[in-house]
PDB file of N, CA and C in Angstrom:
ATOM      1  N   UNK A   1      14.445  -2.692  -0.947  1.00  0.00           N
ATOM      2  CA  UNK A   1      13.739  -3.914  -1.423  1.00  0.00           C
ATOM      3  C   UNK A   1      13.189  -4.695  -0.205  1.00  0.00           C
ATOM      4  N   UNK A   2      13.975  -4.820   0.790  1.00  0.00           N
ATOM      5  CA  UNK A   2      13.526  -5.546   2.031  1.00  0.00           C
ATOM      6  C   UNK A   2      12.239  -4.961   2.638  1.00  0.00           C
ATOM      7  N   UNK A   3      12.198  -3.685   2.597  1.00  0.00           N
ATOM      8  CA  UNK A   3      11.008  -3.007   3.131  1.00  0.00           C
ATOM      9  C   UNK A   3       9.680  -3.420   2.399  1.00  0.00           C
ATOM     10  N   UNK A   4       9.795  -3.382   1.085  1.00  0.00           N
ATOM     11  CA  UNK A   4       8.691  -3.756   0.210  1.00  0.00           C
ATOM     12  C   UNK A   4       8.274  -5.214   0.450  1.00  0.00           C
ATOM     13  N   UNK A   5       9.257  -6.076   0.629  1.00  0.00           N
ATOM     14  CA  UNK A   5       8.995  -7.485   0.927  1.00  0.00           C
ATOM     15  C   UNK A   5       8.225  -7.572   2.160  1.00  0.00           C
ATOM     16  N   UNK A   6       8.580  -6.841   3.218  1.00  0.00           N
ATOM     17  CA  UNK A   6       7.879  -6.838   4.464  1.00  0.00           C
ATOM     18  C   UNK A   6       6.429  -6.330   4.345  1.00  0.00           C
ATOM     19  N   UNK A   7       6.276  -5.258   3.548  1.00  0.00           N
ATOM     20  CA  UNK A   7       4.973  -4.663   3.308  1.00  0.00           C
ATOM     21  C   UNK A   7       4.058  -5.628   2.535  1.00  0.00           C
ATOM     22  N   UNK A   8       4.572  -6.277   1.439  1.00  0.00           N
ATOM     23  CA  UNK A   8       3.741  -7.186   0.673  1.00  0.00           C
ATOM     24  C   UNK A   8       3.440  -8.413   1.439  1.00  0.00           C
ATOM     25  N   UNK A   9       4.335  -8.909   2.275  1.00  0.00           N
ATOM     26  CA  UNK A   9       4.203 -10.061   3.071  1.00  0.00           C
ATOM     27  C   UNK A   9       3.059  -9.791   4.051  1.00  0.00           C
ATOM     28  N   UNK A  10       3.068  -8.659   4.711  1.00  0.00           N
ATOM     29  CA  UNK A  10       2.114  -8.311   5.698  1.00  0.00           C
ATOM     30  C   UNK A  10       0.733  -8.145   5.108  1.00  0.00           C
ATOM     31  N   UNK A  11       0.619  -7.531   3.928  1.00  0.00           N
ATOM     32  CA  UNK A  11      -0.609  -7.294   3.313  1.00  0.00           C
ATOM     33  C   UNK A  11      -1.146  -8.400   2.468  1.00  0.00           C
ATOM     34  N   UNK A  12      -0.319  -9.484   2.387  1.00  0.00           N
ATOM     35  CA  UNK A  12      -0.791 -10.621   1.590  1.00  0.00           C
ATOM     36  C   UNK A  12      -1.602 -11.615   2.452  1.00  0.00           C
ATOM     37  N   UNK A  13      -1.781 -11.386   3.720  1.00  0.00           N
ATOM     38  CA  UNK A  13      -2.498 -12.260   4.580  1.00  0.00           C
ATOM     39  C   UNK A  13      -3.920 -11.762   4.776  1.00  0.00           C
ATOM     40  N   UNK A  14      -4.862 -12.625   4.472  1.00  0.00           N
ATOM     41  CA  UNK A  14      -6.310 -12.376   4.462  1.00  0.00           C
ATOM     42  C   UNK A  14      -6.763 -11.860   5.811  1.00  0.00           C
ATOM     43  N   UNK A  15      -6.259 -12.431   6.927  1.00  0.00           N
ATOM     44  CA  UNK A  15      -6.696 -11.960   8.254  1.00  0.00           C
ATOM     45  C   UNK A  15      -6.147 -10.588   8.562  1.00  0.00           C
ATOM     46  N   UNK A  16      -4.966 -10.221   8.051  1.00  0.00           N
ATOM     47  CA  UNK A  16      -4.499  -8.854   8.358  1.00  0.00           C
ATOM     48  C   UNK A  16      -5.253  -7.874   7.546  1.00  0.00           C
ATOM     49  N   UNK A  17      -5.730  -8.312   6.256  1.00  0.00           N
ATOM     50  CA  UNK A  17      -6.487  -7.421   5.529  1.00  0.00           C
ATOM     51  C   UNK A  17      -7.842  -7.207   6.113  1.00  0.00           C
ATOM     52  N   UNK A  18      -8.399  -8.262   6.741  1.00  0.00           N
ATOM     53  CA  UNK A  18      -9.675  -8.119   7.492  1.00  0.00           C
ATOM     54  C   UNK A  18      -9.543  -7.218   8.616  1.00  0.00           C
ATOM     55  N   UNK A  19      -8.408  -7.220   9.315  1.00  0.00           N
ATOM     56  CA  UNK A  19      -8.190  -6.337  10.459  1.00  0.00           C
ATOM     57  C   UNK A  19      -8.172  -4.926  10.009  1.00  0.00           C
ATOM     58  N   UNK A  20      -7.378  -4.582   8.935  1.00  0.00           N
ATOM     59  CA  UNK A  20      -7.249  -3.306   8.335  1.00  0.00           C
ATOM     60  C   UNK A  20      -8.666  -2.763   7.953  1.00  0.00           C
ATOM     61  N   UNK A  21      -9.386  -3.652   7.233  1.00  0.00           N
ATOM     62  CA  UNK A  21     -10.846  -3.268   6.824  1.00  0.00           C
ATOM     63  C   UNK A  21     -11.695  -2.953   8.044  1.00  0.00           C
ATOM     64  N   UNK A  22     -11.612  -3.814   9.077  1.00  0.00           N
ATOM     65  CA  UNK A  22     -12.384  -3.630  10.205  1.00  0.00           C
ATOM     66  C   UNK A  22     -12.126  -2.298  10.930  1.00  0.00           C
ATOM     67  N   UNK A  23     -10.778  -2.008  11.015  1.00  0.00           N
ATOM     68  CA  UNK A  23     -10.390  -0.736  11.773  1.00  0.00           C
ATOM     69  C   UNK A  23     -10.478   0.512  10.862  1.00  0.00           C
ATOM     70  N   UNK A  24     -10.767   0.328   9.552  1.00  0.00           N
ATOM     71  CA  UNK A  24     -10.922   1.441   8.714  1.00  0.00           C
ATOM     72  C   UNK A  24     -12.200   2.163   8.947  1.00  0.00           C
ATOM     73  N   UNK A  25     -13.093   1.546   9.739  1.00  0.00           N
ATOM     74  CA  UNK A  25     -14.419   2.241  10.058  1.00  0.00           C
ATOM     75  C   UNK A  25     -14.173   3.309  11.134  1.00  0.00           C
ATOM     76  N   UNK A  26     -12.990   3.381  11.645  1.00  0.00           N
ATOM     77  CA  UNK A  26     -12.702   4.497  12.621  1.00  0.00           C
ATOM     78  C   UNK A  26     -12.899   4.107  14.126  1.00  0.00           C
ATOM     79  N   UNK A  27     -13.409   2.900  14.390  1.00  0.00           N
ATOM     80  CA  UNK A  27     -13.540   2.492  15.759  1.00  0.00           C
ATOM     81  C   UNK A  27     -12.169   1.862  16.274  1.00  0.00           C
ATOM     82  N   UNK A  28     -11.850   2.159  17.525  1.00  0.00           N
ATOM     83  CA  UNK A  28     -10.670   1.557  18.138  1.00  0.00           C
ATOM     84  C   UNK A  28     -11.155   0.257  18.859  1.00  0.00           C
ATOM     85  N   UNK A  29     -10.546  -0.809  18.574  1.00  0.00           N
ATOM     86  CA  UNK A  29     -10.946  -2.078  19.069  1.00  0.00           C
ATOM     87  C   UNK A  29      -9.787  -2.826  19.751  1.00  0.00           C
ATOM     88  N   UNK A  30     -10.114  -3.596  20.796  1.00  0.00           N
ATOM     89  CA  UNK A  30      -9.043  -4.359  21.463  1.00  0.00           C
ATOM     90  C   UNK A  30      -8.926  -5.715  20.835  1.00  0.00           C
ATOM     91  N   UNK A  31      -8.000  -6.516  21.286  1.00  0.00           N
ATOM     92  CA  UNK A  31      -7.663  -7.808  20.656  1.00  0.00           C
ATOM     93  C   UNK A  31      -8.940  -8.716  20.685  1.00  0.00           C
ATOM     94  N   UNK A  32      -9.648  -8.801  21.772  1.00  0.00           N
ATOM     95  CA  UNK A  32     -10.797  -9.628  21.881  1.00  0.00           C
ATOM     96  C   UNK A  32     -11.909  -9.228  20.865  1.00  0.00           C
ATOM     97  N   UNK A  33     -12.103  -7.930  20.763  1.00  0.00           N
ATOM     98  CA  UNK A  33     -13.154  -7.412  19.782  1.00  0.00           C
ATOM     99  C   UNK A  33     -12.745  -7.790  18.389  1.00  0.00           C
ATOM    100  N   UNK A  34     -11.466  -7.575  18.064  1.00  0.00           N
ATOM    101  CA  UNK A  34     -10.979  -7.876  16.674  1.00  0.00           C
ATOM    102  C   UNK A  34     -11.072  -9.396  16.375  1.00  0.00           C
ATOM    103  N   UNK A  35     -10.641 -10.194  17.349  1.00  0.00           N
ATOM    104  CA  UNK A  35     -10.640 -11.674  17.142  1.00  0.00           C
ATOM    105  C   UNK A  35     -12.156 -12.131  16.942  1.00  0.00           C
ATOM    106  N   UNK A  36     -13.065 -11.627  17.719  1.00  0.00           N
ATOM    107  CA  UNK A  36     -14.423 -12.007  17.624  1.00  0.00           C
ATOM    108  C   UNK A  36     -15.058 -11.554  16.269  1.00  0.00           C
ATOM    109  N   UNK A  37     -14.671 -10.365  15.784  1.00  0.00           N
ATOM    110  CA  UNK A  37     -15.234  -9.846  14.515  1.00  0.00           C
ATOM    111  C   UNK A  37     -14.700 -10.647  13.340  1.00  0.00           C
ATOM    112  N   UNK A  38     -13.452 -11.054  13.296  1.00  0.00           N
ATOM    113  CA  UNK A  38     -12.869 -11.755  12.166  1.00  0.00           C
ATOM    114  C   UNK A  38     -12.939 -13.213  12.285  1.00  0.00           C
ATOM    115  N   UNK A  39     -13.226 -13.711  13.481  1.00  0.00           N
ATOM    116  CA  UNK A  39     -13.380 -15.136  13.743  1.00  0.00           C
ATOM    117  C   UNK A  39     -12.122 -15.943  13.811  1.00  0.00           C
ATOM    118  N   UNK A  40     -11.073 -15.416  14.504  1.00  0.00           N
ATOM    119  CA  UNK A  40      -9.802 -16.187  14.727  1.00  0.00           C
ATOM    120  C   UNK A  40      -9.479 -16.115  16.149  1.00  0.00           C
ATOM    121  N   UNK A  41      -8.473 -16.920  16.559  1.00  0.00           N
ATOM    122  CA  UNK A  41      -8.115 -16.962  18.005  1.00  0.00           C
ATOM    123  C   UNK A  41      -7.504 -15.685  18.464  1.00  0.00           C
ATOM    124  N   UNK A  42      -7.454 -15.502  19.731  1.00  0.00           N
ATOM    125  CA  UNK A  42      -6.864 -14.368  20.391  1.00  0.00           C
ATOM    126  C   UNK A  42      -5.315 -14.363  20.022  1.00  0.00           C
ATOM    127  N   UNK A  43      -4.727 -15.545  20.160  1.00  0.00           N
ATOM    128  CA  UNK A  43      -3.255 -15.712  19.908  1.00  0.00           C
ATOM    129  C   UNK A  43      -2.935 -15.296  18.450  1.00  0.00           C
ATOM    130  N   UNK A  44      -3.706 -15.794  17.494  1.00  0.00           N
ATOM    131  CA  UNK A  44      -3.512 -15.462  16.076  1.00  0.00           C
ATOM    132  C   UNK A  44      -3.681 -13.915  15.854  1.00  0.00           C
ATOM    133  N   UNK A  45      -4.714 -13.413  16.467  1.00  0.00           N
ATOM    134  CA  UNK A  45      -5.066 -11.979  16.261  1.00  0.00           C
ATOM    135  C   UNK A  45      -3.890 -11.156  16.882  1.00  0.00           C
ATOM    136  N   UNK A  46      -3.336 -11.494  17.976  1.00  0.00           N
ATOM    137  CA  UNK A  46      -2.222 -10.807  18.606  1.00  0.00           C
ATOM    138  C   UNK A  46      -0.987 -10.819  17.678  1.00  0.00           C
ATOM    139  N   UNK A  47      -0.734 -11.923  17.056  1.00  0.00           N
ATOM    140  CA  UNK A  47       0.406 -11.973  16.161  1.00  0.00           C
ATOM    141  C   UNK A  47       0.181 -11.074  14.932  1.00  0.00           C
ATOM    142  N   UNK A  48      -1.019 -11.058  14.387  1.00  0.00           N
ATOM    143  CA  UNK A  48      -1.303 -10.197  13.270  1.00  0.00           C
ATOM    144  C   UNK A  48      -1.199  -8.730  13.622  1.00  0.00           C
ATOM    145  N   UNK A  49      -1.681  -8.365  14.894  1.00  0.00           N
ATOM    146  CA  UNK A  49      -1.562  -7.025  15.307  1.00  0.00           C
ATOM    147  C   UNK A  49      -0.140  -6.562  15.525  1.00  0.00           C
ATOM    148  N   UNK A  50       0.732  -7.484  15.953  1.00  0.00           N
ATOM    149  CA  UNK A  50       2.120  -7.146  16.193  1.00  0.00           C
ATOM    150  C   UNK A  50       2.729  -6.835  14.810  1.00  0.00           C
ATOM    151  N   UNK A  51       2.482  -7.687  13.822  1.00  0.00           N
ATOM    152  CA  UNK A  51       3.026  -7.455  12.473  1.00  0.00           C
ATOM    153  C   UNK A  51       2.640  -6.103  11.883  1.00  0.00           C
ATOM    154  N   UNK A  52       1.350  -5.839  12.029  1.00  0.00           N
ATOM    155  CA  UNK A  52       0.789  -4.599  11.456  1.00  0.00           C
ATOM    156  C   UNK A  52       1.302  -3.409  12.230  1.00  0.00           C
ATOM    157  N   UNK A  53       1.478  -3.510  13.562  1.00  0.00           N
ATOM    158  CA  UNK A  53       1.959  -2.418  14.384  1.00  0.00           C
ATOM    159  C   UNK A  53       3.463  -2.132  14.078  1.00  0.00           C
ATOM    160  N   UNK A  54       4.219  -3.293  13.871  1.00  0.00           N
ATOM    161  CA  UNK A  54       5.718  -3.064  13.526  1.00  0.00           C
ATOM    162  C   UNK A  54       5.878  -2.372  12.237  1.00  0.00           C
ATOM    163  N   UNK A  55       4.895  -2.354  11.321  1.00  0.00           N
ATOM    164  CA  UNK A  55       5.011  -1.601  10.065  1.00  0.00           C
ATOM    165  C   UNK A  55       4.351  -0.269  10.156  1.00  0.00           C
ATOM    166  N   UNK A  56       3.933   0.115  11.361  1.00  0.00           N
ATOM    167  CA  UNK A  56       3.258   1.373  11.569  1.00  0.00           C
ATOM    168  C   UNK A  56       1.896   1.516  10.921  1.00  0.00           C
ATOM    169  N   UNK A  57       1.296   0.346  10.598  1.00  0.00           N
ATOM    170  CA  UNK A  57      -0.079   0.378  10.007  1.00  0.00           C
ATOM    171  C   UNK A  57      -1.056   0.672  11.097  1.00  0.00           C
ATOM    172  N   UNK A  58      -0.792   0.123  12.261  1.00  0.00           N
ATOM    173  CA  UNK A  58      -1.731   0.352  13.417  1.00  0.00           C
ATOM    174  C   UNK A  58      -1.119   1.118  14.499  1.00  0.00           C
ATOM    175  N   UNK A  59      -1.977   1.763  15.286  1.00  0.00           N
ATOM    176  CA  UNK A  59      -1.614   2.502  16.468  1.00  0.00           C
ATOM    177  C   UNK A  59      -2.282   1.906  17.617  1.00  0.00           C
ATOM    178  N   UNK A  60      -1.622   1.552  18.680  1.00  0.00           N
ATOM    179  CA  UNK A  60      -2.323   1.032  19.809  1.00  0.00           C
ATOM    180  C   UNK A  60      -2.170   1.885  21.082  1.00  0.00           C
ATOM    181  N   UNK A  61      -3.345   2.032  21.784  1.00  0.00           N
ATOM    182  CA  UNK A  61      -3.372   2.919  22.916  1.00  0.00           C
ATOM    183  C   UNK A  61      -3.964   2.140  24.124  1.00  0.00           C
ATOM    184  N   UNK A  62      -3.249   2.149  25.177  1.00  0.00           N
ATOM    185  CA  UNK A  62      -3.741   1.371  26.355  1.00  0.00           C
ATOM    186  C   UNK A  62      -4.705   2.169  27.244  1.00  0.00           C
ATOM    187  N   UNK A  63      -5.798   1.516  27.587  1.00  0.00           N
ATOM    188  CA  UNK A  63      -6.762   2.124  28.534  1.00  0.00           C
ATOM    189  C   UNK A  63      -7.598   1.052  29.030  1.00  0.00           C
ATOM    190  N   UNK A  64      -8.019   1.177  30.296  1.00  0.00           N
ATOM    191  CA  UNK A  64      -8.911   0.169  30.963  1.00  0.00           C
ATOM    192  C   UNK A  64      -8.325  -1.248  30.935  1.00  0.00           C
ATOM    193  N   UNK A  65      -7.001  -1.302  31.002  1.00  0.00           N
ATOM    194  CA  UNK A  65      -6.289  -2.637  31.042  1.00  0.00           C
ATOM    195  C   UNK A  65      -6.271  -3.354  29.768  1.00  0.00           C
ATOM    196  N   UNK A  66      -6.554  -2.678  28.623  1.00  0.00           N
ATOM    197  CA  UNK A  66      -6.484  -3.230  27.315  1.00  0.00           C
ATOM    198  C   UNK A  66      -5.774  -2.370  26.401  1.00  0.00           C
ATOM    199  N   UNK A  67      -5.340  -2.865  25.249  1.00  0.00           N
ATOM    200  CA  UNK A  67      -4.765  -2.025  24.245  1.00  0.00           C
ATOM    201  C   UNK A  67      -5.755  -1.962  23.131  1.00  0.00           C
ATOM    202  N   UNK A  68      -6.185  -0.789  22.725  1.00  0.00           N
ATOM    203  CA  UNK A  68      -7.137  -0.512  21.725  1.00  0.00           C
ATOM    204  C   UNK A  68      -6.456  -0.085  20.449  1.00  0.00           C
ATOM    205  N   UNK A  69      -6.680  -0.733  19.345  1.00  0.00           N
ATOM    206  CA  UNK A  69      -6.002  -0.456  18.059  1.00  0.00           C
ATOM    207  C   UNK A  69      -6.912   0.334  17.070  1.00  0.00           C
ATOM    208  N   UNK A  70      -6.193   1.130  16.281  1.00  0.00           N
ATOM    209  CA  UNK A  70      -6.887   1.774  15.200  1.00  0.00           C
ATOM    210  C   UNK A  70      -5.793   1.984  14.092  1.00  0.00           C
ATOM    211  N   UNK A  71      -6.269   2.388  12.938  1.00  0.00           N
ATOM    212  CA  UNK A  71      -5.287   2.662  11.848  1.00  0.00           C
ATOM    213  C   UNK A  71      -4.413   3.882  12.236  1.00  0.00           C
ATOM    214  N   UNK A  72      -3.221   3.708  11.992  1.00  0.00           N
ATOM    215  CA  UNK A  72      -2.246   4.801  12.390  1.00  0.00           C
ATOM    216  C   UNK A  72      -2.411   5.984  11.440  1.00  0.00           C
ATOM    217  N   UNK A  73      -2.832   7.193  11.932  1.00  0.00           N
ATOM    218  CA  UNK A  73      -2.905   8.300  10.994  1.00  0.00           C
ATOM    219  C   UNK A  73      -1.622   8.809  10.485  1.00  0.00           C
ATOM    220  N   UNK A  74      -0.522   8.372  11.074  1.00  0.00           N
ATOM    221  CA  UNK A  74       0.795   8.728  10.646  1.00  0.00           C
ATOM    222  C   UNK A  74       1.459   7.519   9.873  1.00  0.00           C
ATOM    223  N   UNK A  75       0.614   6.635   9.343  1.00  0.00           N
ATOM    224  CA  UNK A  75       1.184   5.542   8.527  1.00  0.00           C
ATOM    225  C   UNK A  75       2.073   5.906   7.438  1.00  0.00           C
ATOM    226  N   UNK A  76       3.218   5.282   7.272  1.00  0.00           N
ATOM    227  CA  UNK A  76       4.182   5.767   6.233  1.00  0.00           C
ATOM    228  C   UNK A  76       3.433   5.774   4.871  1.00  0.00           C
ATOM    229  N   UNK A  77       3.855   6.760   4.050  1.00  0.00           N
ATOM    230  CA  UNK A  77       3.101   7.018   2.798  1.00  0.00           C
ATOM    231  C   UNK A  77       3.109   5.826   1.811  1.00  0.00           C
ATOM    232  N   UNK A  78       4.217   5.007   1.842  1.00  0.00           N
ATOM    233  CA  UNK A  78       4.288   3.852   0.922  1.00  0.00           C
ATOM    234  C   UNK A  78       3.259   2.796   1.306  1.00  0.00           C
ATOM    235  N   UNK A  79       3.101   2.610   2.570  1.00  0.00           N
ATOM    236  CA  UNK A  79       2.131   1.632   3.059  1.00  0.00           C
ATOM    237  C   UNK A  79       0.780   2.241   2.960  1.00  0.00           C
ATOM    238  N   UNK A  80       0.563   3.451   3.210  1.00  0.00           N
ATOM    239  CA  UNK A  80      -0.787   4.078   3.137  1.00  0.00           C
ATOM    240  C   UNK A  80      -1.342   3.964   1.764  1.00  0.00           C
ATOM    241  N   UNK A  81      -0.488   4.155   0.704  1.00  0.00           N
ATOM    242  CA  UNK A  81      -0.970   3.939  -0.644  1.00  0.00           C
ATOM    243  C   UNK A  81      -1.504   2.580  -0.909  1.00  0.00           C
ATOM    244  N   UNK A  82      -0.711   1.593  -0.423  1.00  0.00           N
ATOM    245  CA  UNK A  82      -1.169   0.207  -0.574  1.00  0.00           C
ATOM    246  C   UNK A  82      -2.427  -0.121   0.079  1.00  0.00           C
ATOM    247  N   UNK A  83      -2.576   0.366   1.380  1.00  0.00           N
ATOM    248  CA  UNK A  83      -3.746   0.236   2.166  1.00  0.00           C
ATOM    249  C   UNK A  83      -4.920   0.873   1.533  1.00  0.00           C
ATOM    250  N   UNK A  84      -4.787   2.074   0.942  1.00  0.00           N
ATOM    251  CA  UNK A  84      -5.851   2.774   0.364  1.00  0.00           C
ATOM    252  C   UNK A  84      -6.291   2.100  -0.963  1.00  0.00           C
ATOM    253  N   UNK A  85      -5.302   1.441  -1.653  1.00  0.00           N
ATOM    254  CA  UNK A  85      -5.787   0.695  -2.837  1.00  0.00           C
ATOM    255  C   UNK A  85      -6.661  -0.468  -2.419  1.00  0.00           C
ATOM    256  N   UNK A  86      -6.319  -1.105  -1.348  1.00  0.00           N
ATOM    257  CA  UNK A  86      -7.136  -2.252  -0.835  1.00  0.00           C
ATOM    258  C   UNK A  86      -8.493  -1.750  -0.367  1.00  0.00           C
ATOM    259  N   UNK A  87      -8.584  -0.651   0.348  1.00  0.00           N
ATOM    260  CA  UNK A  87      -9.712  -0.232   0.816  1.00  0.00           C
ATOM    261  C   UNK A  87     -10.707   0.416  -0.194  1.00  0.00           C
ATOM    262  N   UNK A  88     -10.046   0.773  -1.324  1.00  0.00           N
ATOM    263  CA  UNK A  88     -10.778   1.368  -2.433  1.00  0.00           C
ATOM    264  C   UNK A  88     -11.246   2.779  -2.180  1.00  0.00           C
TER     265      UNK A  88
END
């Protein structure tokens, strides 16, 4: 039950949904790129990325002094179903 609460809480935030939608295009983006695209601060973006990463929704890879995020191809099935419903 706690897991589902965490999932729904994470996916109930409009900015986190915007991040998922943005990254569903297949591009790996860093915090600055994501913040600029969805129009929120770097600090807020970082917090959202941490929440999504902790649920294994996102995968982050460091290069060129930045962490680039994309949707995790090994996302847990329960979360993947919810994300796919959102993405349509």
